[in-house]
C-alpha atoms as a PDB file:
ATOM      1  CA  MET A   1     -15.331   4.875  47.514  1.00  0.00           C
ATOM      2  CA  THR A   2     -14.544   7.843  46.137  1.00  0.00           C
ATOM      3  CA  PHE A   3     -15.303   8.898  42.565  1.00  0.00           C
ATOM      4  CA  MET A   4     -13.194  11.362  40.058  1.00  0.00           C
ATOM      5  CA  VAL A   5     -15.557  14.273  39.096  1.00  0.00           C
ATOM      6  CA  TRP A   6     -14.517  16.290  36.296  1.00  0.00           C
ATOM      7  CA  ASP A   7     -16.796  18.941  34.959  1.00  0.00           C
ATOM      8  CA  ILE A   8     -18.559  19.424  31.874  1.00  0.00           C
ATOM      9  CA  GLY A   9     -16.382  21.414  30.321  1.00  0.00           C
ATOM     10  CA  PHE A  10     -13.379  19.644  30.582  1.00  0.00           C
ATOM     11  CA  GLN A  11     -15.393  16.297  29.390  1.00  0.00           C
ATOM     12  CA  ASP A  12     -16.150  18.085  26.104  1.00  0.00           C
ATOM     13  CA  LYS A  13     -12.675  19.162  26.143  1.00  0.00           C
ATOM     14  CA  ILE A  14     -11.143  15.245  26.079  1.00  0.00           C
ATOM     15  CA  VAL A  15     -14.297  14.458  23.898  1.00  0.00           C
ATOM     16  CA  TYR A  16     -13.241  16.989  21.253  1.00  0.00           C
ATOM     17  CA  LEU A  17      -9.645  15.998  21.441  1.00  0.00           C
ATOM     18  CA  VAL A  18     -10.587  12.289  20.662  1.00  0.00           C
ATOM     19  CA  VAL A  19     -12.367  13.182  17.879  1.00  0.00           C
ATOM     20  CA  SER A  20     -10.352  15.328  16.082  1.00  0.00           C
ATOM     21  CA  SER A  21      -7.588  12.940  16.767  1.00  0.00           C
ATOM     22  CA  ALA A  22      -9.945   9.966  14.860  1.00  0.00           C
ATOM     23  CA  ALA A  23     -10.369  12.820  12.099  1.00  0.00           C
ATOM     24  CA  VAL A  24      -6.760  13.523  11.148  1.00  0.00           C
ATOM     25  CA  TYR A  25      -6.024   9.813  11.661  1.00  0.00           C
ATOM     26  CA  LEU A  26      -8.628   8.965   9.077  1.00  0.00           C
ATOM     27  CA  GLY A  27      -8.410  11.962   7.116  1.00  0.00           C
ATOM     28  CA  PHE A  28      -4.719  11.387   5.389  1.00  0.00           C
ATOM     29  CA  PRO A  29      -5.567   7.843   3.829  1.00  0.00           C
ATOM     30  CA  LEU A  30      -8.963   9.563   2.653  1.00  0.00           C
ATOM     31  CA  VAL A  31      -7.224  12.124   1.152  1.00  0.00           C
ATOM     32  CA  SER A  32      -4.778   9.832  -0.617  1.00  0.00           C
ATOM     33  CA  SER A  33      -7.226   7.909  -1.928  1.00  0.00           C
ATOM     34  CA  LEU A  34      -9.002  10.496  -3.301  1.00  0.00           C
ATOM     35  CA  LYS A  35      -6.043  11.880  -4.603  1.00  0.00           C
ATOM     36  CA  GLY A  36      -5.195   8.481  -6.439  1.00  0.00           C
ATOM     37  CA  LEU A  37      -8.575   8.654  -8.023  1.00  0.00           C
ATOM     38  CA  PHE A  38      -8.824  11.863  -9.449  1.00  0.00           C
ATOM     39  CA  SER A  39      -5.449  12.714 -10.162  1.00  0.00           C
ATOM     40  CA  LYS A  40      -3.931  12.377 -13.486  1.00  0.00           C
ATOM     41  CA  THR A  41      -2.065   8.888 -14.163  1.00  0.00           C
ATOM     42  CA  GLN A  42       1.465   8.840 -14.989  1.00  0.00           C
ATOM     43  CA  THR A  43       2.957   6.977 -17.978  1.00  0.00           C
ATOM     44  CA  GLN A  44       6.394   7.307 -17.240  1.00  0.00           C
ATOM     45  CA  GLU A  45       8.088   3.899 -16.814  1.00  0.00           C
ATOM     46  CA  THR A  46      10.925   3.462 -13.958  1.00  0.00           C
ATOM     47  CA  SER A  47      14.246   2.620 -14.907  1.00  0.00           C
ATOM     48  CA  PHE A  48      15.906   0.202 -13.169  1.00  0.00           C
ATOM     49  CA  GLY A  49      19.091   0.937 -13.703  1.00  0.00           C
ATOM     50  CA  CYS A  50      21.996  -1.630 -14.412  1.00  0.00           C
ATOM     51  CA  TYR A  51      19.679  -4.487 -14.082  1.00  0.00           C
ATOM     52  CA  GLU A  52      17.547  -3.088 -16.550  1.00  0.00           C
ATOM     53  CA  ALA A  53      20.281  -3.082 -18.662  1.00  0.00           C
ATOM     54  CA  ALA A  54      21.516  -6.711 -17.676  1.00  0.00           C
ATOM     55  CA  CYS A  55      18.253  -8.219 -18.695  1.00  0.00           C
ATOM     56  CA  SER A  56      18.030  -6.467 -21.860  1.00  0.00           C
ATOM     57  CA  ALA A  57      21.411  -8.127 -22.818  1.00  0.00           C
ATOM     58  CA  CYS A  58      20.120 -11.729 -22.336  1.00  0.00           C
ATOM     59  CA  GLU A  59      19.220 -14.114 -24.435  1.00  0.00           C
ATOM     60  CA  VAL A  60      16.913 -17.064 -24.340  1.00  0.00           C
ATOM     61  CA  LYS A  61      17.819 -19.630 -26.040  1.00  0.00           C
ATOM     62  CA  ILE A  62      15.679 -22.793 -26.037  1.00  0.00           C
ATOM     63  CA  ASP A  63      17.456 -26.415 -26.009  1.00  0.00           C
ATOM     64  CA  LYS A  64      15.622 -28.630 -28.199  1.00  0.00           C
ATOM     65  CA  ASN A  65      17.409 -31.978 -27.007  1.00  0.00           C
ATOM     66  CA  GLN A  66      16.032 -31.225 -23.541  1.00  0.00           C
ATOM     67  CA  LYS A  67      13.407 -33.873 -22.150  1.00  0.00           C
ATOM     68  CA  VAL A  68      10.123 -32.056 -20.784  1.00  0.00           C
ATOM     69  CA  SER A  69       8.591 -34.082 -18.293  1.00  0.00           C
ATOM     70  CA  PRO A  70       4.571 -34.569 -18.528  1.00  0.00           C
ATOM     71  CA  LYS A  71       2.656 -33.003 -15.202  1.00  0.00           C
ATOM     72  CA  ARG A  72       1.876 -35.818 -12.991  1.00  0.00           C
ATOM     73  CA  LYS A  73      -2.170 -35.710 -11.861  1.00  0.00           C
ATOM     74  CA  HIS A  74      -2.492 -35.999  -8.956  1.00  0.00           C
ATOM     75  CA  GLY A  75      -5.920 -37.740  -7.692  1.00  0.00           C
END
């Protein structure tokens, strides 16, 4: 049985590559979280275009003759 033997310098490069990849992978969410915590909050509202105009034009009317069914208790 033969084993592949790598010199110590090559093994170090593989370890550095794996650790730096993990640091970059984990760094982006960390930076994003810190930016969200310490950045100024925006109070600007998002406009939904025609949907917003359609909803503001709606008028809710309550029919007083409609029978309201009581909630049943499940026991």
